[in-house]
Protein backbone atom coordinates (compact mmCIF):
# COMPACT_ATOMS: atom_id res chain seq x y z
CA MET A 1 -8.28 13.38 22.34
CA ARG A 2 -4.93 11.60 22.01
CA ASP A 3 -3.07 9.52 24.55
CA GLU A 4 0.63 10.01 25.40
CA GLN A 5 1.76 7.94 22.40
CA GLY A 6 -0.35 9.93 19.95
CA PHE A 7 -3.27 7.52 19.51
CA ILE A 8 -6.68 9.14 19.05
CA ILE A 9 -8.98 7.63 21.69
CA ILE A 10 -12.25 6.79 19.96
CA ASP A 11 -14.97 7.36 22.55
CA GLU A 12 -17.85 4.98 21.85
CA ASN A 13 -20.19 7.37 23.66
CA LYS A 14 -19.49 10.09 21.10
CA ILE A 15 -19.74 8.08 17.89
CA GLU A 16 -22.76 6.55 16.15
CA ASN A 17 -23.59 3.45 14.12
CA LEU A 18 -20.51 1.43 15.06
CA LYS A 19 -20.51 -1.59 12.75
CA ASN A 20 -18.23 -4.59 12.28
CA VAL A 21 -17.21 -4.42 8.62
CA LYS A 22 -14.66 -7.22 8.39
CA ASP A 23 -13.45 -10.07 10.61
CA GLY A 24 -14.01 -8.22 13.86
CA ARG A 25 -11.01 -5.98 13.20
CA VAL A 26 -12.40 -3.38 10.76
CA PHE A 27 -15.26 -1.17 11.92
CA SER A 28 -17.15 1.76 10.47
CA PHE A 29 -18.70 4.53 12.54
CA GLU A 30 -20.10 8.03 12.21
CA TYR A 31 -18.79 11.11 13.96
CA GLN A 32 -20.09 14.61 13.29
CA GLU A 33 -21.93 13.38 10.17
CA GLN A 34 -18.73 11.91 8.67
CA ILE A 35 -18.13 8.20 8.11
CA TYR A 36 -14.84 6.78 9.40
CA PHE A 37 -13.18 3.39 9.34
CA TYR A 38 -11.16 1.94 12.18
CA LYS A 39 -8.78 -1.00 11.60
CA GLN A 40 -7.31 -2.91 14.50
CA ILE A 41 -3.59 -3.73 14.16
CA VAL A 42 -1.97 -6.13 16.60
CA LYS A 43 1.69 -5.12 16.27
CA VAL A 44 2.58 -1.61 17.42
CA ALA A 45 5.25 -1.12 14.72
CA GLU A 46 2.71 -1.82 11.99
CA VAL A 47 0.41 1.06 12.93
CA TYR A 48 3.21 3.48 12.05
CA ASN A 49 3.68 1.73 8.71
CA GLU A 50 0.31 3.01 7.52
CA LEU A 51 1.26 6.63 8.20
CA ILE A 52 4.76 6.30 6.74
CA ALA A 53 3.38 4.71 3.58
CA TYR A 54 0.90 7.55 3.17
CA PHE A 55 3.59 10.24 3.27
CA LEU A 56 5.87 8.31 0.87
CA ALA A 57 2.98 7.69 -1.54
CA LYS A 58 2.14 11.38 -1.44
CA ARG A 59 5.73 12.22 -2.43
CA MET A 60 5.34 9.91 -5.43
CA GLY A 61 2.07 11.50 -6.48
CA LEU A 62 0.01 8.40 -5.66
CA SER A 63 -3.47 8.56 -4.17
CA CYS A 64 -3.30 6.74 -0.85
CA VAL A 65 -5.74 6.53 2.04
CA GLU A 66 -4.62 8.85 4.85
CA TYR A 67 -4.49 7.15 8.25
CA ASP A 68 -4.04 8.29 11.81
CA LEU A 69 -3.19 6.34 14.95
CA ALA A 70 -6.28 5.41 16.98
CA SER A 71 -7.51 3.10 19.70
CA LEU A 72 -10.97 1.62 20.12
CA ASP A 73 -12.07 -0.22 23.24
CA GLY A 74 -8.46 -0.47 24.37
CA GLU A 75 -7.20 -1.97 21.08
CA ILE A 76 -4.70 -0.05 18.93
CA GLY A 77 -5.06 0.51 15.21
CA VAL A 78 -5.58 3.22 12.63
CA VAL A 79 -8.52 5.38 11.61
CA SER A 80 -9.34 6.94 8.25
CA LYS A 81 -12.13 8.95 6.69
CA ASN A 82 -14.43 7.29 4.16
CA PHE A 83 -12.44 7.74 0.94
CA LEU A 84 -15.44 6.74 -1.20
CA GLU A 85 -17.38 9.89 -0.42
CA GLY A 86 -18.13 11.74 -3.64
CA VAL A 87 -16.99 8.81 -5.78
CA HIS A 88 -19.28 7.89 -8.71
CA SER A 89 -18.21 4.25 -8.73
CA HIS A 90 -15.36 2.06 -7.57
CA PHE A 91 -13.98 -1.36 -8.44
CA THR A 92 -11.27 -3.54 -6.98
CA ILE A 93 -8.70 -5.07 -9.30
CA GLU A 94 -10.05 -8.43 -8.15
CA GLU A 95 -13.44 -7.58 -9.71
CA ILE A 96 -11.81 -6.40 -12.93
CA LEU A 97 -9.64 -9.52 -13.18
CA GLN A 98 -12.59 -11.81 -12.50
CA ASN A 99 -14.59 -10.10 -15.22
CA TYR A 100 -11.89 -10.92 -17.77
CA PHE A 101 -10.42 -14.24 -16.63
CA ARG A 102 -13.60 -15.69 -15.04
CA ASP A 103 -11.88 -18.45 -13.06
CA GLU A 104 -11.97 -17.16 -9.47
CA ARG A 105 -9.48 -19.81 -8.33
CA GLN A 106 -6.79 -18.34 -10.57
CA ILE A 107 -7.32 -14.62 -9.87
CA GLU A 108 -4.34 -14.09 -7.56
CA LYS A 109 -2.07 -15.62 -10.22
CA LYS A 110 -3.30 -12.84 -12.51
CA ASN A 111 -2.35 -10.10 -10.06
CA ASN A 112 0.45 -8.75 -12.23
CA LEU A 113 1.07 -5.80 -14.55
CA GLN A 114 0.68 -7.82 -17.74
CA ASP A 115 -2.66 -9.46 -16.91
CA ILE A 116 -4.11 -6.39 -15.20
CA GLN A 117 -3.49 -4.42 -18.41
CA LYS A 118 -5.46 -7.02 -20.40
CA ALA A 119 -8.31 -6.93 -17.89
CA LEU A 120 -8.39 -3.12 -17.75
CA SER A 121 -8.49 -2.83 -21.54
CA TYR A 122 -11.45 -5.23 -21.61
CA TRP A 123 -13.26 -3.44 -18.73
CA TYR A 124 -12.75 0.04 -20.22
CA GLN A 125 -13.12 -0.80 -23.92
CA ASP A 126 -13.94 2.79 -24.93
CA ILE A 127 -11.14 4.37 -22.88
CA ASP A 128 -7.37 4.43 -23.33
CA VAL A 129 -6.09 2.84 -20.12
CA GLY A 130 -2.52 4.05 -20.71
CA HIS A 131 -2.70 6.58 -17.86
CA LEU A 132 -3.91 3.85 -15.50
CA MET A 133 -0.99 1.62 -16.46
CA ILE A 134 1.43 4.50 -15.77
CA GLN A 135 -0.11 4.79 -12.31
CA LEU A 136 0.05 1.03 -11.82
CA MET A 137 3.72 0.95 -12.77
CA ARG A 138 4.38 3.63 -10.15
CA ILE A 139 2.42 1.60 -7.59
CA PHE A 140 4.68 -1.36 -8.39
CA MET A 141 7.71 0.88 -7.83
CA PHE A 142 6.17 2.12 -4.58
CA ASP A 143 5.64 -1.44 -3.33
CA VAL A 144 9.26 -2.24 -4.12
CA LEU A 145 10.47 0.83 -2.22
CA ILE A 146 8.44 0.02 0.89
CA GLY A 147 8.92 -3.77 0.67
CA ASN A 148 5.18 -4.40 0.44
CA ILE A 149 4.14 -8.06 0.38
CA ASP A 150 0.40 -7.34 0.66
CA ARG A 151 -0.73 -5.74 -2.63
CA HIS A 152 -3.25 -8.48 -3.39
CA SER A 153 -6.02 -7.76 -5.87
CA ARG A 154 -8.43 -6.50 -3.17
CA ASN A 155 -5.89 -3.93 -1.91
CA LEU A 156 -5.95 -2.04 -5.18
CA MET A 157 -8.99 -0.06 -6.28
CA ILE A 158 -9.99 2.16 -9.18
CA LEU A 159 -12.16 5.15 -8.34
CA GLU A 160 -14.27 7.06 -10.83
CA LYS A 161 -14.76 10.76 -10.15
CA GLU A 162 -14.01 13.40 -12.77
CA ASN A 163 -11.43 10.92 -14.01
CA LEU A 164 -10.17 7.39 -13.31
CA PHE A 165 -7.41 6.78 -10.81
CA PHE A 166 -6.01 4.09 -8.52
CA LYS A 167 -6.48 4.27 -4.76
CA ILE A 168 -4.05 2.34 -2.56
CA PHE A 169 -4.40 1.32 1.08
CA ASP A 170 -3.46 -1.29 3.71
CA HIS A 171 0.32 -1.02 4.08
CA GLU A 172 0.73 -2.38 7.59
CA LYS A 173 2.67 -5.39 6.20
CA MET A 174 5.29 -3.29 4.42
CA LEU A 175 9.02 -3.83 5.03
CA SER A 176 8.48 -7.56 4.65
CA SER A 177 11.59 -9.75 4.84
CA THR A 178 10.26 -11.70 1.83
CA SER A 179 10.36 -8.51 -0.23
CA ILE A 180 13.60 -7.09 1.18
CA TYR A 181 15.71 -10.26 1.13
CA GLU A 182 13.99 -12.48 -1.45
CA GLY A 183 12.65 -9.89 -3.91
CA GLY A 184 9.08 -11.19 -3.85
CA TYR A 185 5.92 -9.05 -3.93
CA SER A 186 2.18 -9.69 -4.30
CA LEU A 187 1.97 -7.49 -7.40
CA GLY A 188 4.14 -9.07 -10.09
CA ILE A 189 5.31 -8.32 -13.62
CA ASP A 190 3.66 -11.36 -15.21
CA GLU A 191 1.98 -14.63 -14.19
CA ASP A 192 5.32 -16.38 -13.65
CA ASP A 193 5.85 -14.15 -10.61
CA TYR A 194 3.09 -15.82 -8.60
CA PHE A 195 4.37 -17.62 -5.51
CA THR A 196 2.96 -18.92 -2.23
CA THR A 197 6.15 -19.62 -0.22
CA GLU A 198 9.66 -18.12 -0.11
CA GLU A 199 11.06 -21.49 -1.19
CA GLU A 200 9.54 -20.91 -4.62
CA LEU A 201 11.69 -17.79 -5.12
CA ASP A 202 15.27 -17.77 -6.40
CA VAL A 203 17.69 -15.27 -7.92
CA GLU A 204 16.07 -15.50 -11.33
CA ASP A 205 12.62 -14.85 -9.82
CA HIS A 206 13.68 -11.55 -8.25
CA PHE A 207 10.90 -9.18 -9.29
CA VAL A 208 13.13 -6.11 -9.42
CA ARG A 209 15.68 -7.81 -11.66
CA LYS A 210 12.87 -8.73 -14.03
CA PHE A 211 11.52 -5.17 -13.85
CA VAL A 212 14.91 -3.75 -14.81
CA LYS A 213 15.00 -6.06 -17.85
CA VAL A 214 11.52 -5.22 -19.15
CA CYS A 215 11.02 -1.55 -18.20
CA SER A 216 11.74 1.37 -20.48
CA LYS A 217 14.76 3.64 -20.03
CA ASP A 218 12.51 6.43 -18.74
CA GLU A 219 10.86 4.10 -16.21
CA LEU A 220 14.25 2.97 -14.94
CA VAL A 221 15.42 6.57 -14.53
CA LEU A 222 12.20 7.36 -12.65
CA PHE A 223 12.68 4.37 -10.35
CA GLN A 224 16.25 5.44 -9.59
CA GLN A 225 14.93 8.89 -8.67
CA TYR A 226 12.28 7.38 -6.42
CA LEU A 227 14.94 5.28 -4.71
CA GLU A 228 16.23 8.48 -3.12
CA LEU A 229 12.96 8.67 -1.15
CA ILE A 230 14.05 5.84 1.15
CA ALA A 231 17.52 7.21 1.90
CA GLU A 232 18.15 7.64 5.62
CA GLU A 233 17.67 11.41 5.71
CA GLU A 234 14.44 11.16 3.70
CA ILE A 235 12.97 8.56 6.04
CA GLU A 236 13.94 10.76 8.99
CA SER A 237 11.96 13.59 7.40
CA VAL A 238 8.97 11.24 7.05
CA PHE A 239 9.30 10.33 10.74
CA ALA A 240 9.13 14.06 11.50
CA MET A 241 5.89 14.37 9.51
CA VAL A 242 4.41 11.38 11.33
CA GLU A 243 5.33 12.88 14.71
CA GLN A 244 3.84 16.22 13.74
CA LYS A 245 0.62 14.49 12.75
CA ILE A 246 0.27 12.37 15.90
CA GLN A 247 1.56 15.17 18.16
CA SER A 248 3.91 12.75 19.87
CA LYS A 249 7.30 11.11 19.45
CA MET A 250 7.56 7.71 17.79
CA MET A 251 8.86 4.98 20.07
CA LYS A 252 12.64 4.89 19.66
CA PRO A 253 13.02 1.08 19.18
CA ILE A 254 10.29 1.09 16.52
CA ARG A 255 11.79 4.10 14.79
CA GLU A 256 15.21 2.42 14.69
CA GLU A 257 13.74 -0.86 13.43
CA ILE A 258 11.86 0.84 10.59
CA GLN A 259 14.93 2.87 9.60
CA TYR A 260 17.07 -0.30 9.61
CA LYS A 261 14.63 -2.15 7.35
CA PHE A 262 14.48 0.75 4.89
CA SER A 263 18.28 0.79 4.90
CA GLU A 264 18.38 -2.93 4.11
CA ASN A 265 15.85 -2.48 1.33
CA GLU A 266 17.79 0.44 -0.14
CA LYS A 267 20.98 -1.63 -0.04
CA MET A 268 19.29 -4.53 -1.84
CA LEU A 269 17.79 -2.31 -4.53
CA LYS A 270 21.04 -0.50 -5.24
CA LYS A 271 22.77 -3.86 -5.61
CA VAL A 272 20.16 -5.05 -8.09
CA LEU A 273 20.39 -1.83 -10.08
CA THR A 274 24.19 -1.93 -10.45
């Protein structure tokens, strides 16, 4: 059952094995023999971010966890099915980086395309990881388009089923001002992109400018095509999909705020690309 705003009301009397998975804000539970995860999100606007990111990722052909609005014990958040069902094995990029670089204190500095490629090649020594790097490049483009500041090495996972592929999740922090106005992201091009405060960023550090310099012609053309996905009319169509899913209208102030931030991001990216 959903409330007036479209949040699924998780009835604790109808679910089983409710467990605290992480920090008192992520819980797992069972419902009709299916495992689900609930994540509490404090800010109302951020719950919509998860749904919007899913639909945009789907348009880019990326495998993203599908979320829905939900409330548990009066707290709002999102709910998703267990995406590891049927998976042979799974590894976070953090695990893969640690296996190669060893020094756990330096792992986040290695959260970039260049170092991840080294670590992947070492992890999968008998496999050509070229297709994974193509996916990773598209994930970088995706993060740029949504202004995602939170693609740390635990928010990126490789799943092994019939083949290997990346799974992405946790996009509540998208449309970050650090990404939109300063050009900084958690997933970088190389180790020089690592930063801890906005003060460490300057014009030369702009990740997208660096990307334009180092990417291939085909990758640049692809990115320019993807840029059309955050045009005003495209975001409005995503809003429509979100509303269809939650069977309710998005709150007008939140809808306008999200559209404004996408507009600002689109403006910044077009400026960098010209």
